[in-house]
Amino acid sequence: MTEQVVIDVLSEAFYSSFYILLPILGVALVVGILVSIFQAATSIQEMTLTFIPKILVTAITVILILPFALDIMIPLTKKYFTIFITLIK
């Protein structure tokens, strides 16, 4: 296994995970900002108010983005298994 193969495998894994996690983190960020604006406008300083909407919206986003994530992960996993099998032989 050469250094270039390792670099290619790790960079592809990094970018794939980045593409999968970016929408989830973006939605959590937007919801967090909206809840913070709501708290500032109403002067409600309840700590659990920030977590519950973020958890619910993030869970819904994960469920909705699952087909997109699987479309990225399945070919990548097949490719890695093929690479590793050829490297073991």
N, C-alpha and C. Protein backbone atom coordinates (compact mmCIF):
# COMPACT_ATOMS: atom_id res chain seq x y z
N MET A 1 0.86 -1.17 0.00
CA MET A 1 0.00 0.00 0.00
C MET A 1 0.91 1.23 0.00
N THR A 2 0.74 2.03 -1.01
CA THR A 2 1.57 3.22 -1.12
C THR A 2 0.94 4.38 -0.34
N GLU A 3 1.73 5.40 -0.18
CA GLU A 3 1.24 6.58 0.54
C GLU A 3 0.10 7.25 -0.22
N GLN A 4 0.18 7.24 -1.54
CA GLN A 4 -0.86 7.89 -2.34
C GLN A 4 -2.20 7.18 -2.20
N VAL A 5 -2.19 5.86 -2.12
CA VAL A 5 -3.44 5.11 -1.93
C VAL A 5 -4.07 5.46 -0.59
N VAL A 6 -3.25 5.55 0.45
CA VAL A 6 -3.75 5.90 1.78
C VAL A 6 -4.32 7.31 1.77
N ILE A 7 -3.62 8.22 1.14
CA ILE A 7 -4.10 9.60 1.07
C ILE A 7 -5.40 9.68 0.30
N ASP A 8 -5.51 8.96 -0.81
CA ASP A 8 -6.75 8.96 -1.60
C ASP A 8 -7.92 8.39 -0.81
N VAL A 9 -7.69 7.27 -0.12
CA VAL A 9 -8.76 6.63 0.66
C VAL A 9 -9.22 7.55 1.78
N LEU A 10 -8.29 8.14 2.50
CA LEU A 10 -8.66 9.00 3.62
C LEU A 10 -9.31 10.30 3.16
N SER A 11 -8.83 10.87 2.07
CA SER A 11 -9.45 12.11 1.60
C SER A 11 -10.85 11.86 1.07
N GLU A 12 -11.05 10.74 0.38
CA GLU A 12 -12.40 10.42 -0.11
C GLU A 12 -13.35 10.14 1.05
N ALA A 13 -12.86 9.47 2.09
CA ALA A 13 -13.69 9.23 3.27
C ALA A 13 -14.04 10.54 3.98
N PHE A 14 -13.06 11.44 4.06
CA PHE A 14 -13.31 12.74 4.70
C PHE A 14 -14.36 13.54 3.93
N TYR A 15 -14.20 13.64 2.61
CA TYR A 15 -15.15 14.42 1.83
C TYR A 15 -16.54 13.79 1.81
N SER A 16 -16.60 12.48 1.80
CA SER A 16 -17.90 11.81 1.83
C SER A 16 -18.62 12.08 3.15
N SER A 17 -17.90 11.98 4.26
CA SER A 17 -18.52 12.27 5.55
C SER A 17 -18.89 13.74 5.65
N PHE A 18 -18.10 14.60 5.04
CA PHE A 18 -18.41 16.03 5.03
C PHE A 18 -19.71 16.29 4.28
N TYR A 19 -19.88 15.65 3.09
CA TYR A 19 -21.11 15.83 2.31
C TYR A 19 -22.33 15.29 3.04
N ILE A 20 -22.16 14.24 3.81
CA ILE A 20 -23.28 13.66 4.53
C ILE A 20 -23.65 14.51 5.74
N LEU A 21 -22.66 15.01 6.46
CA LEU A 21 -22.93 15.74 7.70
C LEU A 21 -23.25 17.21 7.51
N LEU A 22 -22.88 17.79 6.39
CA LEU A 22 -23.09 19.22 6.18
C LEU A 22 -24.56 19.64 6.26
N PRO A 23 -25.50 18.95 5.61
CA PRO A 23 -26.90 19.37 5.75
C PRO A 23 -27.43 19.21 7.18
N ILE A 24 -27.00 18.18 7.87
CA ILE A 24 -27.46 17.95 9.24
C ILE A 24 -26.96 19.07 10.15
N LEU A 25 -25.69 19.40 10.04
CA LEU A 25 -25.14 20.47 10.87
C LEU A 25 -25.71 21.82 10.49
N GLY A 26 -25.97 22.04 9.21
CA GLY A 26 -26.57 23.30 8.77
C GLY A 26 -27.96 23.51 9.34
N VAL A 27 -28.77 22.46 9.33
CA VAL A 27 -30.12 22.56 9.89
C VAL A 27 -30.06 22.81 11.40
N ALA A 28 -29.15 22.11 12.08
CA ALA A 28 -29.01 22.31 13.52
C ALA A 28 -28.56 23.74 13.83
N LEU A 29 -27.68 24.29 12.99
CA LEU A 29 -27.23 25.66 13.18
C LEU A 29 -28.36 26.66 13.01
N VAL A 30 -29.16 26.49 11.97
CA VAL A 30 -30.28 27.41 11.72
C VAL A 30 -31.30 27.33 12.84
N VAL A 31 -31.62 26.13 13.28
CA VAL A 31 -32.59 25.98 14.38
C VAL A 31 -32.04 26.59 15.66
N GLY A 32 -30.76 26.41 15.93
CA GLY A 32 -30.15 27.00 17.11
C GLY A 32 -30.21 28.52 17.09
N ILE A 33 -29.94 29.10 15.92
CA ILE A 33 -30.01 30.56 15.81
C ILE A 33 -31.44 31.05 15.98
N LEU A 34 -32.40 30.36 15.39
CA LEU A 34 -33.80 30.77 15.54
C LEU A 34 -34.27 30.68 16.98
N VAL A 35 -33.88 29.61 17.67
CA VAL A 35 -34.26 29.47 19.08
C VAL A 35 -33.58 30.55 19.92
N SER A 36 -32.35 30.89 19.60
CA SER A 36 -31.65 31.94 20.34
C SER A 36 -32.32 33.30 20.13
N ILE A 37 -32.74 33.58 18.91
CA ILE A 37 -33.46 34.83 18.64
C ILE A 37 -34.78 34.85 19.40
N PHE A 38 -35.49 33.71 19.41
CA PHE A 38 -36.74 33.63 20.16
C PHE A 38 -36.50 33.85 21.65
N GLN A 39 -35.46 33.27 22.20
CA GLN A 39 -35.15 33.45 23.62
C GLN A 39 -34.78 34.89 23.92
N ALA A 40 -34.04 35.52 23.04
CA ALA A 40 -33.65 36.91 23.28
C ALA A 40 -34.87 37.84 23.18
N ALA A 41 -35.79 37.53 22.28
CA ALA A 41 -36.97 38.38 22.11
C ALA A 41 -37.95 38.23 23.27
N THR A 42 -38.04 37.04 23.83
CA THR A 42 -39.03 36.80 24.89
C THR A 42 -38.43 36.81 26.29
N SER A 43 -37.12 36.92 26.37
CA SER A 43 -36.39 36.92 27.65
C SER A 43 -36.59 35.61 28.42
N ILE A 44 -36.80 34.54 27.72
CA ILE A 44 -36.89 33.21 28.33
C ILE A 44 -35.47 32.64 28.31
N GLN A 45 -34.94 32.30 29.47
CA GLN A 45 -33.58 31.78 29.56
C GLN A 45 -33.56 30.33 30.02
N GLU A 46 -34.44 29.54 29.52
CA GLU A 46 -34.51 28.12 29.87
C GLU A 46 -33.50 27.35 29.02
N MET A 47 -32.61 26.60 29.65
CA MET A 47 -31.56 25.89 28.93
C MET A 47 -32.10 24.73 28.09
N THR A 48 -33.13 24.07 28.57
CA THR A 48 -33.65 22.92 27.82
C THR A 48 -34.40 23.36 26.57
N LEU A 49 -34.78 24.61 26.49
CA LEU A 49 -35.50 25.10 25.32
C LEU A 49 -34.61 25.05 24.08
N THR A 50 -33.32 25.16 24.24
CA THR A 50 -32.43 25.10 23.08
C THR A 50 -32.20 23.68 22.60
N PHE A 51 -32.23 22.70 23.49
CA PHE A 51 -31.89 21.33 23.10
C PHE A 51 -33.03 20.59 22.44
N ILE A 52 -34.23 20.74 22.93
CA ILE A 52 -35.36 19.94 22.42
C ILE A 52 -35.65 20.23 20.95
N PRO A 53 -35.79 21.49 20.52
CA PRO A 53 -36.03 21.71 19.08
C PRO A 53 -34.86 21.24 18.21
N LYS A 54 -33.63 21.44 18.68
CA LYS A 54 -32.48 21.00 17.89
C LYS A 54 -32.45 19.49 17.74
N ILE A 55 -32.74 18.78 18.82
CA ILE A 55 -32.73 17.31 18.76
C ILE A 55 -33.83 16.81 17.83
N LEU A 56 -35.02 17.38 17.94
CA LEU A 56 -36.13 16.93 17.10
C LEU A 56 -35.87 17.21 15.62
N VAL A 57 -35.45 18.42 15.31
CA VAL A 57 -35.21 18.78 13.91
C VAL A 57 -34.02 18.01 13.34
N THR A 58 -33.00 17.80 14.15
CA THR A 58 -31.85 17.02 13.69
C THR A 58 -32.24 15.57 13.43
N ALA A 59 -33.05 14.99 14.27
CA ALA A 59 -33.51 13.62 14.05
C ALA A 59 -34.35 13.52 12.78
N ILE A 60 -35.22 14.48 12.56
CA ILE A 60 -36.03 14.48 11.33
C ILE A 60 -35.14 14.65 10.10
N THR A 61 -34.14 15.51 10.21
CA THR A 61 -33.21 15.72 9.10
C THR A 61 -32.42 14.45 8.80
N VAL A 62 -31.98 13.75 9.82
CA VAL A 62 -31.25 12.49 9.61
C VAL A 62 -32.13 11.47 8.90
N ILE A 63 -33.38 11.40 9.30
CA ILE A 63 -34.30 10.46 8.65
C ILE A 63 -34.53 10.84 7.19
N LEU A 64 -34.69 12.14 6.92
CA LEU A 64 -34.94 12.58 5.55
C LEU A 64 -33.70 12.46 4.65
N ILE A 65 -32.52 12.60 5.23
CA ILE A 65 -31.29 12.58 4.44
C ILE A 65 -30.71 11.18 4.32
N LEU A 66 -31.31 10.21 4.95
CA LEU A 66 -30.78 8.85 4.94
C LEU A 66 -30.64 8.26 3.54
N PRO A 67 -31.60 8.42 2.62
CA PRO A 67 -31.38 7.88 1.26
C PRO A 67 -30.18 8.52 0.56
N PHE A 68 -30.01 9.83 0.72
CA PHE A 68 -28.85 10.52 0.15
C PHE A 68 -27.55 10.00 0.75
N ALA A 69 -27.55 9.79 2.05
CA ALA A 69 -26.34 9.29 2.72
C ALA A 69 -26.02 7.87 2.28
N LEU A 70 -27.03 7.05 2.12
CA LEU A 70 -26.79 5.68 1.66
C LEU A 70 -26.29 5.64 0.23
N ASP A 71 -26.78 6.58 -0.61
CA ASP A 71 -26.28 6.65 -1.99
C ASP A 71 -24.80 6.99 -2.03
N ILE A 72 -24.31 7.68 -1.04
CA ILE A 72 -22.88 8.00 -0.97
C ILE A 72 -22.10 6.87 -0.32
N MET A 73 -22.64 6.31 0.75
CA MET A 73 -21.88 5.35 1.55
C MET A 73 -21.77 3.96 0.92
N ILE A 74 -22.80 3.48 0.26
CA ILE A 74 -22.77 2.12 -0.29
C ILE A 74 -21.71 1.95 -1.38
N PRO A 75 -21.66 2.82 -2.39
CA PRO A 75 -20.57 2.64 -3.38
C PRO A 75 -19.18 2.83 -2.78
N LEU A 76 -19.06 3.74 -1.83
CA LEU A 76 -17.78 3.96 -1.19
C LEU A 76 -17.33 2.72 -0.41
N THR A 77 -18.26 2.09 0.29
CA THR A 77 -17.94 0.88 1.04
C THR A 77 -17.55 -0.26 0.10
N LYS A 78 -18.28 -0.42 -1.00
CA LYS A 78 -17.92 -1.45 -1.98
C LYS A 78 -16.53 -1.20 -2.55
N LYS A 79 -16.24 0.05 -2.84
CA LYS A 79 -14.92 0.39 -3.38
C LYS A 79 -13.83 0.07 -2.37
N TYR A 80 -14.04 0.41 -1.11
CA TYR A 80 -13.03 0.14 -0.08
C TYR A 80 -12.82 -1.34 0.14
N PHE A 81 -13.90 -2.13 0.13
CA PHE A 81 -13.74 -3.57 0.28
C PHE A 81 -12.96 -4.15 -0.90
N THR A 82 -13.23 -3.65 -2.09
CA THR A 82 -12.49 -4.11 -3.26
C THR A 82 -11.01 -3.76 -3.14
N ILE A 83 -10.73 -2.54 -2.72
CA ILE A 83 -9.34 -2.12 -2.57
C ILE A 83 -8.64 -2.95 -1.50
N PHE A 84 -9.28 -3.17 -0.38
CA PHE A 84 -8.64 -3.91 0.71
C PHE A 84 -8.44 -5.38 0.36
N ILE A 85 -9.39 -5.96 -0.38
CA ILE A 85 -9.24 -7.35 -0.77
C ILE A 85 -8.06 -7.50 -1.74
N THR A 86 -7.93 -6.56 -2.66
CA THR A 86 -6.79 -6.64 -3.60
C THR A 86 -5.46 -6.38 -2.89
N LEU A 87 -5.48 -5.59 -1.84
CA LEU A 87 -4.25 -5.32 -1.12
C LEU A 87 -3.83 -6.48 -0.21
N ILE A 88 -4.81 -7.24 0.27
CA ILE A 88 -4.51 -8.37 1.15
C ILE A 88 -3.89 -9.52 0.35
N LYS A 89 -4.36 -9.72 -0.89
CA LYS A 89 -3.85 -10.85 -1.70
C LYS A 89 -2.43 -10.68 -2.11
